[in-house]
Protein backbone atom coordinates (compact mmCIF):
# COMPACT_ATOMS: atom_id res chain seq x y z
CA MET A 1 91.18 -125.61 -69.71
CA ALA A 2 90.92 -125.66 -65.94
CA THR A 3 90.65 -129.22 -64.71
CA LYS A 4 87.03 -130.14 -64.07
CA ASN A 5 85.46 -132.87 -62.00
CA ILE A 6 82.89 -134.95 -63.86
CA LEU A 7 80.41 -137.40 -62.33
CA ILE A 8 78.99 -139.99 -64.75
CA THR A 9 75.89 -142.07 -64.04
CA GLY A 10 75.49 -145.32 -65.95
CA ALA A 11 79.21 -145.37 -66.63
CA SER A 12 79.43 -149.17 -66.91
CA GLY A 13 77.68 -149.11 -70.28
CA LEU A 14 79.18 -148.90 -73.75
CA ILE A 15 79.09 -145.10 -73.92
CA GLY A 16 80.13 -144.52 -70.32
CA GLN A 17 83.23 -146.67 -70.60
CA ARG A 18 84.54 -144.93 -73.71
CA LEU A 19 83.55 -141.49 -72.42
CA THR A 20 85.51 -142.13 -69.22
CA GLU A 21 88.60 -143.02 -71.27
CA LEU A 22 88.41 -139.86 -73.39
CA LEU A 23 87.75 -137.60 -70.40
CA LEU A 24 90.78 -139.00 -68.58
CA GLN A 25 92.90 -138.50 -71.69
CA LYS A 26 91.91 -134.84 -71.64
CA GLY A 27 92.92 -134.42 -68.01
CA TYR A 28 89.50 -134.45 -66.37
CA HIS A 29 88.87 -135.98 -62.98
CA VAL A 30 86.12 -138.58 -63.36
CA SER A 31 83.95 -140.41 -60.84
CA HIS A 32 81.09 -142.86 -61.30
CA LEU A 33 77.66 -143.29 -59.74
CA GLY A 34 76.01 -146.68 -60.24
CA ARG A 35 74.19 -149.62 -58.71
CA LYS A 36 77.42 -151.29 -57.58
CA SER A 37 80.69 -150.00 -56.20
CA ARG A 38 83.51 -150.89 -58.59
CA GLU A 39 87.15 -151.50 -57.79
CA GLY A 40 89.74 -149.49 -59.67
CA LYS A 41 91.27 -146.07 -60.05
CA ILE A 42 87.96 -144.31 -60.74
CA PRO A 43 86.13 -143.17 -57.56
CA SER A 44 82.87 -145.12 -57.48
CA TYR A 45 79.69 -144.31 -55.56
CA VAL A 46 76.45 -146.23 -55.16
CA TRP A 47 72.77 -145.37 -55.51
CA ASP A 48 69.58 -147.38 -55.19
CA ILE A 49 67.08 -145.83 -57.56
CA GLU A 50 64.13 -147.95 -56.40
CA GLN A 51 64.76 -147.06 -52.75
CA GLY A 52 65.56 -143.42 -53.56
CA ILE A 53 68.95 -143.62 -51.88
CA VAL A 54 72.20 -142.09 -53.14
CA ASP A 55 75.64 -141.61 -51.60
CA GLY A 56 75.81 -137.82 -51.20
CA ARG A 57 79.61 -137.88 -51.34
CA ALA A 58 79.32 -138.48 -55.07
CA PHE A 59 78.46 -134.81 -55.64
CA GLN A 60 81.28 -133.25 -53.61
CA ASN A 61 83.44 -130.89 -55.71
CA ILE A 62 81.69 -131.94 -58.93
CA ASP A 63 81.45 -129.39 -61.75
CA SER A 64 79.34 -131.36 -64.26
CA VAL A 65 77.08 -134.39 -64.18
CA ILE A 66 76.80 -136.57 -67.30
CA HIS A 67 73.65 -138.64 -66.87
CA LEU A 68 73.67 -141.85 -68.93
CA ALA A 69 71.75 -144.22 -66.64
CA GLY A 70 68.94 -146.26 -68.17
CA ALA A 71 68.02 -149.88 -68.91
CA GLY A 72 69.08 -151.06 -72.37
CA VAL A 73 66.24 -150.64 -74.85
CA ALA A 74 67.12 -153.64 -77.03
CA ASP A 75 68.63 -155.92 -74.37
CA LYS A 76 65.47 -157.92 -73.58
CA PRO A 77 62.00 -158.54 -75.11
CA TRP A 78 59.48 -155.80 -74.50
CA THR A 79 57.22 -157.40 -71.94
CA GLN A 80 55.08 -155.00 -69.91
CA LYS A 81 57.51 -155.43 -67.02
CA ARG A 82 60.49 -154.60 -69.26
CA LYS A 83 58.74 -151.55 -70.70
CA HIS A 84 58.12 -150.33 -67.15
CA GLU A 85 61.79 -150.87 -66.33
CA ILE A 86 62.96 -149.01 -69.46
CA LEU A 87 60.83 -146.00 -68.48
CA GLU A 88 61.44 -145.89 -64.74
CA SER A 89 65.20 -146.51 -64.96
CA ARG A 90 65.30 -143.13 -66.73
CA THR A 91 62.63 -141.08 -65.01
CA LYS A 92 63.24 -142.26 -61.44
CA SER A 93 67.02 -141.90 -61.70
CA THR A 94 66.59 -138.32 -62.94
CA GLN A 95 64.06 -137.55 -60.19
CA LEU A 96 66.51 -138.86 -57.60
CA LEU A 97 69.28 -136.61 -58.90
CA PHE A 98 66.92 -133.63 -58.86
CA ARG A 99 65.90 -134.28 -55.24
CA GLU A 100 69.48 -134.77 -54.09
CA LEU A 101 70.79 -131.63 -55.78
CA SER A 102 67.85 -129.50 -54.67
CA LYS A 103 68.27 -130.28 -50.98
CA ASN A 104 72.06 -130.10 -50.64
CA LYS A 105 74.70 -127.49 -51.43
CA HIS A 106 76.90 -128.41 -54.38
CA SER A 107 79.26 -126.92 -56.95
CA ILE A 108 77.61 -128.43 -60.03
CA LYS A 109 77.14 -125.97 -62.88
CA SER A 110 75.98 -128.17 -65.76
CA PHE A 111 73.84 -131.27 -66.19
CA ILE A 112 74.39 -133.11 -69.47
CA SER A 113 71.82 -135.86 -70.01
CA ALA A 114 71.54 -138.60 -72.56
CA SER A 115 68.31 -138.77 -74.51
CA ALA A 116 67.49 -140.49 -77.80
CA ILE A 117 66.28 -139.78 -81.32
CA GLY A 118 63.43 -142.11 -80.42
CA TYR A 119 61.91 -138.86 -79.11
CA TYR A 120 60.63 -138.12 -82.63
CA GLY A 121 59.03 -141.52 -83.13
CA PHE A 122 59.89 -144.01 -85.84
CA GLY A 123 58.20 -144.27 -89.22
CA ASP A 124 59.05 -144.67 -92.86
CA SER A 125 58.56 -141.08 -94.02
CA GLU A 126 61.10 -138.83 -95.69
CA GLU A 127 60.57 -136.13 -93.06
CA VAL A 128 63.76 -134.66 -91.62
CA PHE A 129 63.52 -134.09 -87.87
CA VAL A 130 65.08 -131.16 -86.04
CA GLU A 131 65.23 -130.42 -82.32
CA GLU A 132 62.13 -128.21 -82.45
CA ASN A 133 59.90 -131.04 -83.67
CA GLU A 134 57.31 -132.37 -81.23
CA ALA A 135 57.63 -135.80 -79.65
CA GLY A 136 56.22 -138.82 -81.44
CA THR A 137 53.51 -141.11 -80.12
CA ASP A 138 55.01 -144.62 -80.04
CA PHE A 139 56.46 -146.36 -76.98
CA LEU A 140 60.02 -145.07 -77.23
CA ALA A 141 58.84 -141.56 -78.04
CA SER A 142 56.69 -141.63 -74.90
CA VAL A 143 59.60 -142.90 -72.79
CA THR A 144 62.00 -140.30 -74.13
CA SER A 145 59.51 -137.45 -73.78
CA GLN A 146 58.81 -138.34 -70.13
CA TRP A 147 62.56 -138.70 -69.51
CA GLU A 148 63.27 -135.26 -70.94
CA THR A 149 60.47 -133.76 -68.87
CA GLU A 150 62.29 -134.90 -65.74
CA VAL A 151 65.63 -133.66 -67.08
CA ASP A 152 64.15 -130.23 -67.81
CA LYS A 153 63.26 -129.84 -64.11
CA LEU A 154 66.99 -129.47 -63.41
CA ASN A 155 66.66 -125.99 -64.95
CA GLU A 156 64.83 -125.01 -61.76
CA LEU A 157 68.12 -125.47 -59.91
CA TYR A 158 69.82 -122.87 -62.14
CA LEU A 159 71.97 -125.47 -63.85
CA ARG A 160 72.88 -125.41 -67.51
CA VAL A 161 70.96 -128.38 -68.89
CA VAL A 162 71.84 -130.11 -72.17
CA LYS A 163 69.93 -133.06 -73.63
CA VAL A 164 71.88 -135.21 -76.10
CA ARG A 165 69.48 -137.10 -78.39
CA ILE A 166 71.55 -140.11 -79.38
CA GLY A 167 71.18 -142.00 -82.65
CA ILE A 168 72.38 -145.53 -83.49
CA VAL A 169 75.79 -145.80 -81.84
CA LEU A 170 78.47 -147.58 -83.85
CA SER A 171 81.19 -149.31 -81.81
CA ASP A 172 83.40 -152.36 -82.23
CA LYS A 173 82.85 -153.17 -78.54
CA GLY A 174 79.10 -153.82 -78.65
CA GLY A 175 75.78 -152.21 -79.47
CA ALA A 176 73.99 -152.42 -82.82
CA LEU A 177 76.96 -153.02 -85.12
CA LYS A 178 78.10 -156.53 -84.17
CA PRO A 179 74.76 -158.30 -84.78
CA MET A 180 74.50 -156.50 -88.12
CA ILE A 181 77.98 -157.59 -89.23
CA LEU A 182 77.74 -161.26 -88.29
CA PRO A 183 75.23 -162.44 -90.95
CA ILE A 184 77.11 -160.50 -93.62
CA LYS A 185 80.37 -162.21 -92.67
CA LEU A 186 78.52 -165.54 -92.89
CA PHE A 187 77.32 -164.66 -96.40
CA ALA A 188 73.75 -164.32 -95.09
CA GLY A 189 73.40 -160.56 -94.95
CA SER A 190 70.52 -158.65 -96.47
CA PRO A 191 68.51 -155.45 -95.94
CA LEU A 192 65.74 -155.65 -93.34
CA GLY A 193 62.12 -155.02 -94.20
CA SER A 194 61.77 -152.53 -97.04
CA GLY A 195 65.40 -151.42 -96.61
CA LYS A 196 64.20 -147.85 -97.17
CA GLN A 197 63.99 -146.92 -93.49
CA TYR A 198 66.57 -144.35 -92.44
CA MET A 199 69.31 -145.10 -89.94
CA SER A 200 70.61 -142.00 -88.20
CA TRP A 201 73.93 -143.20 -86.78
CA ILE A 202 76.99 -141.86 -84.96
CA HIS A 203 80.51 -143.21 -84.31
CA ILE A 204 80.96 -143.76 -80.56
CA ASP A 205 84.03 -141.50 -80.43
CA ASP A 206 82.10 -138.64 -82.05
CA LEU A 207 79.30 -139.18 -79.53
CA CYS A 208 81.69 -139.09 -76.57
CA ARG A 209 83.44 -136.03 -78.00
CA LEU A 210 80.02 -134.40 -78.32
CA PHE A 211 79.33 -135.00 -74.61
CA ILE A 212 82.70 -133.44 -73.76
CA HIS A 213 81.90 -130.54 -76.09
CA ALA A 214 78.64 -130.02 -74.17
CA VAL A 215 80.60 -129.84 -70.92
CA GLU A 216 83.11 -127.36 -72.29
CA ASN A 217 80.84 -125.13 -74.37
CA GLU A 218 78.98 -123.04 -71.82
CA SER A 219 76.70 -121.51 -74.46
CA MET A 220 75.04 -124.88 -75.10
CA ALA A 221 71.65 -125.54 -73.53
CA GLY A 222 68.58 -127.54 -74.50
CA ALA A 223 68.34 -130.46 -76.93
CA TYR A 224 70.89 -131.46 -79.59
CA ASN A 225 70.70 -134.32 -82.05
CA ALA A 226 73.73 -136.60 -81.75
CA VAL A 227 73.84 -138.14 -85.21
CA ALA A 228 76.33 -137.96 -88.06
CA PRO A 229 75.52 -135.41 -90.79
CA VAL A 230 74.70 -138.06 -93.42
CA PRO A 231 71.98 -140.56 -92.44
CA VAL A 232 71.58 -143.59 -94.71
CA THR A 233 68.84 -146.09 -95.45
CA ASN A 234 69.04 -149.61 -94.04
CA LYS A 235 69.84 -150.90 -97.53
CA GLU A 236 72.70 -148.41 -97.90
CA PHE A 237 73.95 -149.29 -94.41
CA ILE A 238 74.04 -153.03 -95.13
CA LYS A 239 75.70 -152.45 -98.50
CA THR A 240 78.41 -150.31 -96.89
CA ILE A 241 79.16 -152.95 -94.26
CA SER A 242 79.33 -155.54 -97.04
CA LYS A 243 81.86 -153.44 -98.91
CA VAL A 244 84.02 -152.78 -95.85
CA VAL A 245 84.14 -156.43 -94.71
CA GLU A 246 84.45 -157.59 -98.31
CA ARG A 247 81.49 -159.96 -98.35
CA PRO A 248 78.82 -160.05 -101.08
CA LEU A 249 75.09 -159.75 -100.40
CA TRP A 250 73.25 -162.71 -101.89
CA LEU A 251 69.92 -162.87 -100.12
CA PRO A 252 66.74 -160.85 -100.69
CA ASN A 253 65.41 -158.50 -98.04
CA VAL A 254 64.27 -160.10 -94.79
CA PRO A 255 60.47 -159.63 -94.75
CA GLY A 256 59.08 -157.44 -92.02
CA PHE A 257 56.62 -160.10 -90.80
CA VAL A 258 59.52 -162.45 -90.04
CA LEU A 259 61.15 -159.88 -87.79
CA LYS A 260 57.81 -159.20 -86.09
CA LEU A 261 57.39 -162.91 -85.39
CA LEU A 262 60.91 -163.06 -83.91
CA LEU A 263 60.99 -159.78 -82.01
CA GLY A 264 57.40 -158.71 -81.47
CA GLU A 265 56.85 -155.00 -80.92
CA MET A 266 60.61 -154.45 -80.67
CA ALA A 267 60.87 -155.20 -84.42
CA GLY A 268 59.79 -151.59 -84.93
CA LEU A 269 63.31 -150.56 -83.92
CA ILE A 270 64.60 -152.27 -87.06
CA LEU A 271 61.74 -151.93 -89.53
CA ASN A 272 61.16 -148.23 -88.94
CA GLY A 273 63.61 -145.37 -88.88
CA SER A 274 63.91 -141.62 -88.72
CA ARG A 275 65.94 -139.10 -90.67
CA ILE A 276 67.54 -136.76 -88.17
CA ASP A 277 69.25 -133.42 -88.79
CA SER A 278 72.49 -132.57 -86.93
CA SER A 279 73.06 -129.01 -88.11
CA LYS A 280 72.30 -127.50 -84.67
CA ILE A 281 75.26 -129.18 -82.97
CA GLN A 282 77.51 -128.29 -85.91
CA LYS A 283 76.62 -124.62 -85.42
CA THR A 284 78.27 -124.81 -81.98
CA ALA A 285 81.62 -125.44 -83.76
CA PHE A 286 81.49 -129.18 -83.11
CA GLN A 287 83.22 -131.10 -85.89
CA PHE A 288 82.55 -134.75 -86.62
CA GLN A 289 85.62 -136.92 -87.11
CA TYR A 290 83.49 -139.52 -88.88
CA PRO A 291 80.72 -137.77 -90.85
CA ILE A 292 80.60 -140.48 -93.54
CA LEU A 293 79.49 -144.06 -92.82
CA ASP A 294 82.22 -145.69 -94.91
CA ASP A 295 84.96 -143.89 -92.93
CA ALA A 296 83.31 -144.71 -89.59
CA LEU A 297 83.01 -148.41 -90.41
CA ARG A 298 86.57 -148.64 -91.72
CA ASN A 299 87.84 -147.08 -88.51
CA LEU A 300 85.91 -149.56 -86.38
CA LEU A 301 86.27 -152.70 -88.47
CA LYS A 302 89.66 -152.19 -90.09
CA PRO A 303 91.76 -150.12 -87.67
CA GLN A 304 95.26 -149.31 -88.88
């Protein structure tokens, strides 16, 4: 593989940090574009999304952009202001990249953007969603659909555009896993709501390898679901964590109304789910290292 130069937006987040590590291990040259300049070995450039300003030097000699920037969906309560921030951090950042690349000469050949399985909407049905399904109608589906609309405009610049629809990311460094493990370790774990809602998950290393695969595989274009091949229900997920950390489950399910009282509209992230198919990415010769939840959790929680 000829050495390639990769620019990552939103690289300070959970995915961006691990992706940077794996890219460097493979011999890529990596640089970051974010709200603050960061000290260190990685070249770091600054943009101001609200002001529509970006350091044009960030794009010099870049082969691929991996676009991860976006406010954390579950970091804060969903006030109207926060909802606006969740949407515009994604759409405005993508619009800024489009404007910058359309007006200046560059060497970029591919644009790999994060998206989310929230695109399909969340419910409690048994339906299995594939990339060709239409967008859902809830808040996150609306956000993701508008985000992807902006990403698709990069096709006008004759770039190869890939949208990676990310599921629940499992990592021992943060994200959804830690708050799910803690009550189980304290002997207070239990399924949430009905427990029947599907959780379409992915090990963070598989997700980062999938982004790298999208950079390297020039036949890839369009949307791909980034979830492990075997989704599980919330009840199965909690039971598997319990087995791996060797703690029993004593309590009954946490009622949905309790979570709604605590979290408001954001409780829908927990009480509802979606069953997502990953066969499209597997047909590109991508192989999951952690296709089974038990193996993924043992790797993260009980490393050798």
